[in-house]
N, C-alpha and C. Protein backbone atom coordinates (compact mmCIF):
# COMPACT_ATOMS: atom_id res chain seq x y z
N UNK A 1 -153.72 23.27 169.42
CA UNK A 1 -153.01 22.01 169.39
C UNK A 1 -152.40 21.73 170.77
N UNK A 2 -152.77 20.67 171.40
CA UNK A 2 -152.25 20.33 172.71
C UNK A 2 -150.97 19.51 172.55
N UNK A 3 -149.96 19.91 173.28
CA UNK A 3 -148.72 19.16 173.25
C UNK A 3 -148.63 18.35 174.53
N UNK A 4 -148.06 17.19 174.44
CA UNK A 4 -147.94 16.31 175.60
C UNK A 4 -146.69 16.70 176.39
N UNK A 5 -146.87 17.54 177.38
CA UNK A 5 -145.76 17.91 178.25
C UNK A 5 -145.97 17.19 179.56
N UNK A 6 -144.95 16.49 180.00
CA UNK A 6 -145.06 15.72 181.22
C UNK A 6 -144.89 16.64 182.43
N UNK A 7 -145.96 16.87 183.21
CA UNK A 7 -145.85 17.78 184.35
C UNK A 7 -144.95 17.25 185.46
N UNK A 8 -144.61 15.95 185.39
CA UNK A 8 -143.74 15.40 186.43
C UNK A 8 -142.26 15.49 186.05
N UNK A 9 -141.96 16.02 184.86
CA UNK A 9 -140.55 16.09 184.46
C UNK A 9 -139.80 17.06 185.38
N UNK A 10 -138.56 16.69 185.73
CA UNK A 10 -137.77 17.59 186.56
C UNK A 10 -137.29 18.80 185.76
N UNK A 11 -137.36 19.96 186.39
CA UNK A 11 -136.94 21.21 185.76
C UNK A 11 -135.86 21.86 186.63
N UNK A 12 -134.83 22.37 186.00
CA UNK A 12 -133.76 23.07 186.71
C UNK A 12 -133.84 24.55 186.39
N UNK A 13 -133.99 25.37 187.43
CA UNK A 13 -134.04 26.83 187.29
C UNK A 13 -132.70 27.38 187.76
N UNK A 14 -132.05 28.17 186.90
CA UNK A 14 -130.72 28.68 187.23
C UNK A 14 -130.75 30.21 187.19
N UNK A 15 -130.50 30.82 188.35
CA UNK A 15 -130.49 32.28 188.44
C UNK A 15 -129.70 32.66 189.68
N UNK A 16 -128.89 33.70 189.59
CA UNK A 16 -128.11 34.10 190.77
C UNK A 16 -128.91 35.01 191.69
N UNK A 17 -130.17 35.25 191.37
CA UNK A 17 -131.03 36.12 192.16
C UNK A 17 -132.14 35.26 192.77
N UNK A 18 -132.08 35.05 194.08
CA UNK A 18 -133.01 34.15 194.76
C UNK A 18 -134.47 34.48 194.53
N UNK A 19 -134.79 35.78 194.48
CA UNK A 19 -136.18 36.19 194.28
C UNK A 19 -136.69 35.70 192.93
N UNK A 20 -135.83 35.78 191.90
CA UNK A 20 -136.24 35.34 190.56
C UNK A 20 -136.48 33.83 190.55
N UNK A 21 -135.62 33.08 191.26
CA UNK A 21 -135.83 31.63 191.35
C UNK A 21 -137.20 31.35 191.95
N UNK A 22 -137.54 32.07 193.03
CA UNK A 22 -138.85 31.87 193.69
C UNK A 22 -140.00 32.20 192.74
N UNK A 23 -139.86 33.29 191.99
CA UNK A 23 -140.91 33.69 191.05
C UNK A 23 -141.12 32.61 189.99
N UNK A 24 -140.02 32.15 189.38
CA UNK A 24 -140.13 31.13 188.32
C UNK A 24 -140.68 29.82 188.91
N UNK A 25 -140.21 29.46 190.10
CA UNK A 25 -140.68 28.24 190.77
C UNK A 25 -142.20 28.33 191.00
N UNK A 26 -142.69 29.49 191.44
CA UNK A 26 -144.13 29.67 191.67
C UNK A 26 -144.92 29.60 190.37
N UNK A 27 -144.39 30.21 189.31
CA UNK A 27 -145.06 30.15 188.00
C UNK A 27 -145.13 28.71 187.52
N UNK A 28 -144.02 27.97 187.68
CA UNK A 28 -144.01 26.56 187.26
C UNK A 28 -145.02 25.75 188.05
N UNK A 29 -145.12 26.05 189.36
CA UNK A 29 -146.08 25.34 190.21
C UNK A 29 -147.50 25.62 189.73
N UNK A 30 -147.77 26.88 189.36
CA UNK A 30 -149.09 27.24 188.82
C UNK A 30 -149.40 26.43 187.56
N UNK A 31 -148.36 26.09 186.80
CA UNK A 31 -148.54 25.34 185.56
C UNK A 31 -148.55 23.83 185.80
N UNK A 32 -148.37 23.42 187.06
CA UNK A 32 -148.45 22.00 187.39
C UNK A 32 -147.12 21.28 187.50
N UNK A 33 -146.01 22.02 187.42
CA UNK A 33 -144.68 21.40 187.55
C UNK A 33 -144.23 21.51 189.01
N UNK A 34 -144.00 20.36 189.64
CA UNK A 34 -143.63 20.36 191.05
C UNK A 34 -142.21 19.88 191.32
N UNK A 35 -141.59 19.22 190.34
CA UNK A 35 -140.22 18.72 190.53
C UNK A 35 -139.26 19.78 189.99
N UNK A 36 -139.00 20.80 190.81
CA UNK A 36 -138.19 21.94 190.38
C UNK A 36 -136.98 22.07 191.29
N UNK A 37 -135.80 21.95 190.71
CA UNK A 37 -134.55 22.21 191.44
C UNK A 37 -134.03 23.57 191.01
N UNK A 38 -133.09 24.10 191.79
CA UNK A 38 -132.51 25.38 191.38
C UNK A 38 -131.02 25.40 191.66
N UNK A 39 -130.35 26.29 190.95
CA UNK A 39 -128.93 26.52 191.12
C UNK A 39 -128.69 28.01 190.97
N UNK A 40 -127.68 28.53 191.67
CA UNK A 40 -127.44 29.97 191.63
C UNK A 40 -126.35 30.37 190.65
N UNK A 41 -125.72 29.38 189.99
CA UNK A 41 -124.75 29.72 188.95
C UNK A 41 -124.58 28.52 188.02
N UNK A 42 -123.94 28.79 186.88
CA UNK A 42 -123.79 27.77 185.86
C UNK A 42 -122.99 26.56 186.31
N UNK A 43 -121.95 26.80 187.12
CA UNK A 43 -121.10 25.68 187.54
C UNK A 43 -121.88 24.71 188.42
N UNK A 44 -122.65 25.22 189.39
CA UNK A 44 -123.42 24.32 190.25
C UNK A 44 -124.56 23.67 189.45
N UNK A 45 -125.10 24.41 188.46
CA UNK A 45 -126.14 23.84 187.60
C UNK A 45 -125.59 22.67 186.80
N UNK A 46 -124.39 22.81 186.25
CA UNK A 46 -123.76 21.72 185.51
C UNK A 46 -123.55 20.51 186.40
N UNK A 47 -123.12 20.75 187.64
CA UNK A 47 -122.91 19.65 188.59
C UNK A 47 -124.22 18.91 188.84
N UNK A 48 -125.32 19.67 189.02
CA UNK A 48 -126.62 19.03 189.24
C UNK A 48 -127.05 18.24 188.01
N UNK A 49 -126.77 18.78 186.82
CA UNK A 49 -127.17 18.10 185.58
C UNK A 49 -126.41 16.80 185.38
N UNK A 50 -125.21 16.71 185.96
CA UNK A 50 -124.44 15.46 185.83
C UNK A 50 -125.03 14.35 186.70
N UNK A 51 -125.79 14.74 187.73
CA UNK A 51 -126.33 13.76 188.68
C UNK A 51 -127.81 13.46 188.48
N UNK A 52 -128.50 14.30 187.70
CA UNK A 52 -129.94 14.12 187.52
C UNK A 52 -130.31 14.54 186.11
N UNK A 53 -131.18 13.77 185.48
CA UNK A 53 -131.60 14.11 184.12
C UNK A 53 -132.80 15.05 184.17
N UNK A 54 -132.63 16.24 183.65
CA UNK A 54 -133.70 17.24 183.66
C UNK A 54 -134.44 17.25 182.33
N UNK A 55 -135.75 17.47 182.42
CA UNK A 55 -136.56 17.56 181.21
C UNK A 55 -136.50 18.94 180.60
N UNK A 56 -136.04 19.93 181.40
CA UNK A 56 -135.98 21.31 180.93
C UNK A 56 -135.07 22.11 181.84
N UNK A 57 -134.30 23.01 181.24
CA UNK A 57 -133.50 23.98 182.00
C UNK A 57 -134.01 25.37 181.66
N UNK A 58 -134.25 26.17 182.69
CA UNK A 58 -134.62 27.59 182.51
C UNK A 58 -133.53 28.39 183.20
N UNK A 59 -132.75 29.12 182.41
CA UNK A 59 -131.59 29.81 182.96
C UNK A 59 -131.61 31.29 182.66
N UNK A 60 -131.17 32.07 183.63
CA UNK A 60 -130.98 33.50 183.44
C UNK A 60 -129.73 33.72 182.58
N UNK A 61 -129.71 34.81 181.83
CA UNK A 61 -128.55 35.15 181.01
C UNK A 61 -127.46 35.79 181.86
N UNK A 62 -127.86 36.79 182.66
CA UNK A 62 -126.89 37.60 183.42
C UNK A 62 -126.59 36.98 184.78
N UNK A 63 -125.53 36.19 184.82
CA UNK A 63 -125.10 35.58 186.08
C UNK A 63 -123.59 35.71 186.20
N UNK A 64 -123.12 35.65 187.45
CA UNK A 64 -121.69 35.62 187.72
C UNK A 64 -121.39 34.33 188.49
N UNK A 65 -120.24 33.72 188.39
CA UNK A 65 -119.16 34.07 187.46
C UNK A 65 -119.39 33.51 186.05
N UNK A 66 -120.22 32.48 185.92
CA UNK A 66 -120.50 31.92 184.59
C UNK A 66 -121.85 32.45 184.11
N UNK A 67 -121.86 33.10 182.96
CA UNK A 67 -123.12 33.63 182.43
C UNK A 67 -124.01 32.49 181.95
N UNK A 68 -125.29 32.78 181.77
CA UNK A 68 -126.21 31.80 181.23
C UNK A 68 -125.80 31.36 179.83
N UNK A 69 -125.22 32.30 179.09
CA UNK A 69 -124.75 31.99 177.73
C UNK A 69 -123.61 30.97 177.78
N UNK A 70 -122.64 31.20 178.69
CA UNK A 70 -121.53 30.26 178.82
C UNK A 70 -122.03 28.91 179.32
N UNK A 71 -122.99 28.94 180.24
CA UNK A 71 -123.60 27.72 180.76
C UNK A 71 -124.27 26.94 179.62
N UNK A 72 -125.04 27.64 178.79
CA UNK A 72 -125.70 27.02 177.64
C UNK A 72 -124.66 26.36 176.73
N UNK A 73 -123.57 27.07 176.44
CA UNK A 73 -122.55 26.51 175.55
C UNK A 73 -121.92 25.25 176.14
N UNK A 74 -121.73 25.23 177.46
CA UNK A 74 -121.16 24.03 178.10
C UNK A 74 -122.14 22.86 178.06
N UNK A 75 -123.42 23.15 178.26
CA UNK A 75 -124.45 22.10 178.18
C UNK A 75 -124.47 21.52 176.78
N UNK A 76 -124.46 22.39 175.77
CA UNK A 76 -124.53 21.91 174.38
C UNK A 76 -123.25 21.19 173.95
N UNK A 77 -122.12 21.48 174.62
CA UNK A 77 -120.85 20.83 174.27
C UNK A 77 -120.72 19.46 174.93
N UNK A 78 -121.60 19.16 175.90
CA UNK A 78 -121.51 17.90 176.64
C UNK A 78 -122.45 16.86 176.01
N UNK A 79 -121.90 15.75 175.48
CA UNK A 79 -122.76 14.78 174.80
C UNK A 79 -123.84 14.17 175.69
N UNK A 80 -123.62 14.15 177.00
CA UNK A 80 -124.63 13.59 177.91
C UNK A 80 -125.76 14.57 178.19
N UNK A 81 -125.50 15.86 177.99
CA UNK A 81 -126.47 16.89 178.38
C UNK A 81 -127.05 17.65 177.20
N UNK A 82 -126.44 17.51 176.02
CA UNK A 82 -126.74 18.46 174.93
C UNK A 82 -128.16 18.37 174.37
N UNK A 83 -128.89 17.31 174.68
CA UNK A 83 -130.26 17.22 174.18
C UNK A 83 -131.28 17.87 175.13
N UNK A 84 -130.81 18.33 176.29
CA UNK A 84 -131.73 18.91 177.29
C UNK A 84 -132.34 20.20 176.76
N UNK A 85 -133.68 20.30 176.73
CA UNK A 85 -134.31 21.55 176.30
C UNK A 85 -133.89 22.70 177.22
N UNK A 86 -133.64 23.86 176.61
CA UNK A 86 -133.04 24.98 177.35
C UNK A 86 -133.76 26.28 176.98
N UNK A 87 -134.30 26.95 178.00
CA UNK A 87 -134.94 28.26 177.80
C UNK A 87 -134.09 29.31 178.52
N UNK A 88 -133.74 30.37 177.81
CA UNK A 88 -132.94 31.46 178.38
C UNK A 88 -133.87 32.59 178.80
N UNK A 89 -133.61 33.12 180.01
CA UNK A 89 -134.38 34.26 180.53
C UNK A 89 -133.45 35.46 180.58
N UNK A 90 -133.94 36.60 180.10
CA UNK A 90 -133.10 37.79 180.14
C UNK A 90 -133.93 39.04 180.35
N UNK A 91 -133.29 40.05 180.89
CA UNK A 91 -133.96 41.34 181.08
C UNK A 91 -133.87 42.18 179.83
N UNK A 92 -132.92 41.84 178.96
CA UNK A 92 -132.73 42.62 177.73
C UNK A 92 -133.04 41.75 176.52
N UNK A 93 -133.75 42.34 175.56
CA UNK A 93 -134.04 41.58 174.34
C UNK A 93 -133.13 42.07 173.21
N UNK A 94 -131.85 42.27 173.54
CA UNK A 94 -130.91 42.72 172.52
C UNK A 94 -130.80 41.67 171.42
N UNK A 95 -130.92 42.12 170.19
CA UNK A 95 -130.91 41.21 169.05
C UNK A 95 -129.66 40.34 169.03
N UNK A 96 -128.50 40.94 169.34
CA UNK A 96 -127.27 40.15 169.26
C UNK A 96 -127.26 39.04 170.30
N UNK A 97 -127.90 39.28 171.46
CA UNK A 97 -128.00 38.23 172.49
C UNK A 97 -128.88 37.09 172.00
N UNK A 98 -130.01 37.45 171.40
CA UNK A 98 -130.94 36.44 170.89
C UNK A 98 -130.24 35.60 169.83
N UNK A 99 -129.55 36.25 168.92
CA UNK A 99 -128.84 35.54 167.84
C UNK A 99 -127.75 34.64 168.42
N UNK A 100 -126.98 35.17 169.37
CA UNK A 100 -125.90 34.38 169.98
C UNK A 100 -126.47 33.16 170.69
N UNK A 101 -127.56 33.35 171.42
CA UNK A 101 -128.17 32.23 172.15
C UNK A 101 -128.71 31.20 171.17
N UNK A 102 -129.33 31.66 170.08
CA UNK A 102 -129.85 30.72 169.07
C UNK A 102 -128.71 29.93 168.44
N UNK A 103 -127.62 30.62 168.12
CA UNK A 103 -126.47 29.94 167.52
C UNK A 103 -125.86 28.93 168.49
N UNK A 104 -125.95 29.23 169.80
CA UNK A 104 -125.39 28.33 170.81
C UNK A 104 -126.34 27.17 171.11
N UNK A 105 -127.55 27.21 170.54
CA UNK A 105 -128.46 26.08 170.66
C UNK A 105 -129.59 26.24 171.66
N UNK A 106 -129.92 27.48 172.01
CA UNK A 106 -131.04 27.68 172.94
C UNK A 106 -132.34 27.25 172.25
N UNK A 107 -133.30 26.72 173.02
CA UNK A 107 -134.57 26.28 172.44
C UNK A 107 -135.61 27.39 172.43
N UNK A 108 -135.52 28.28 173.42
CA UNK A 108 -136.46 29.40 173.46
C UNK A 108 -135.90 30.49 174.35
N UNK A 109 -136.57 31.63 174.34
CA UNK A 109 -136.06 32.84 174.93
C UNK A 109 -137.22 33.56 175.60
N UNK A 110 -137.07 33.99 176.85
CA UNK A 110 -138.12 34.75 177.55
C UNK A 110 -137.52 36.06 178.05
N UNK A 111 -138.21 37.15 177.80
CA UNK A 111 -137.76 38.46 178.28
C UNK A 111 -138.55 38.80 179.55
N UNK A 112 -137.82 39.19 180.60
CA UNK A 112 -138.45 39.62 181.85
C UNK A 112 -139.09 40.98 181.66
N UNK A 113 -140.16 41.32 182.38
CA UNK A 113 -140.92 40.42 183.25
C UNK A 113 -141.87 39.56 182.42
N UNK A 114 -142.24 38.41 182.96
CA UNK A 114 -143.17 37.54 182.24
C UNK A 114 -144.11 36.89 183.25
N UNK A 115 -145.21 36.34 182.73
CA UNK A 115 -146.20 35.72 183.61
C UNK A 115 -146.33 34.23 183.29
N UNK A 116 -147.23 33.56 184.00
CA UNK A 116 -147.40 32.12 183.82
C UNK A 116 -147.82 31.78 182.39
N UNK A 117 -148.68 32.61 181.80
CA UNK A 117 -149.15 32.34 180.43
C UNK A 117 -147.99 32.38 179.44
N UNK A 118 -147.11 33.38 179.59
CA UNK A 118 -145.94 33.49 178.71
C UNK A 118 -145.03 32.28 178.90
N UNK A 119 -144.77 31.94 180.15
CA UNK A 119 -143.90 30.80 180.45
C UNK A 119 -144.49 29.52 179.85
N UNK A 120 -145.79 29.34 180.02
CA UNK A 120 -146.48 28.16 179.49
C UNK A 120 -146.32 28.08 177.97
N UNK A 121 -146.54 29.21 177.27
CA UNK A 121 -146.45 29.19 175.81
C UNK A 121 -145.02 28.91 175.35
N UNK A 122 -144.03 29.43 176.08
CA UNK A 122 -142.63 29.18 175.70
C UNK A 122 -142.27 27.71 175.91
N UNK A 123 -142.74 27.13 177.03
CA UNK A 123 -142.46 25.72 177.30
C UNK A 123 -143.17 24.86 176.24
N UNK A 124 -144.41 25.18 175.94
CA UNK A 124 -145.17 24.41 174.92
C UNK A 124 -144.47 24.48 173.57
N UNK A 125 -143.94 25.66 173.23
CA UNK A 125 -143.25 25.82 171.94
C UNK A 125 -142.01 24.93 171.87
N UNK A 126 -141.30 24.80 172.99
CA UNK A 126 -140.10 23.97 173.03
C UNK A 126 -140.45 22.50 172.76
N UNK A 127 -141.60 22.06 173.31
CA UNK A 127 -141.95 20.65 173.20
C UNK A 127 -142.89 20.35 172.04
N UNK A 128 -143.15 21.36 171.21
CA UNK A 128 -144.10 21.19 170.09
C UNK A 128 -143.47 20.47 168.91
N UNK A 129 -142.15 20.35 168.89
CA UNK A 129 -141.48 19.77 167.73
C UNK A 129 -141.59 18.26 167.72
């Protein structure tokens, strides 16, 4: 089943580790997404989201000073931003983290390391509804 995902939609990648941002940016480019912005923490990501409408946010869980989980909760609490699709990236697949993220309104979850095929399937799953 092919889902209509707009490859021109802007995507925001949030990670406090520059190398990870580059990896995700390259994977997205392989999948045809070229409008990719990045932020190194939740606060700057929120500021960017207030100025530009993103079609998708891909955020790391483990960040300082605002974690990806706290960032997700702030996005979901903001009526202007709460409909933005949100994928959480984490190095740990701890069940309590997955449950907490789902309860906070995450759309999908990716465990590191991952490749373009995994990223593509997670993005497709988000937009399949």
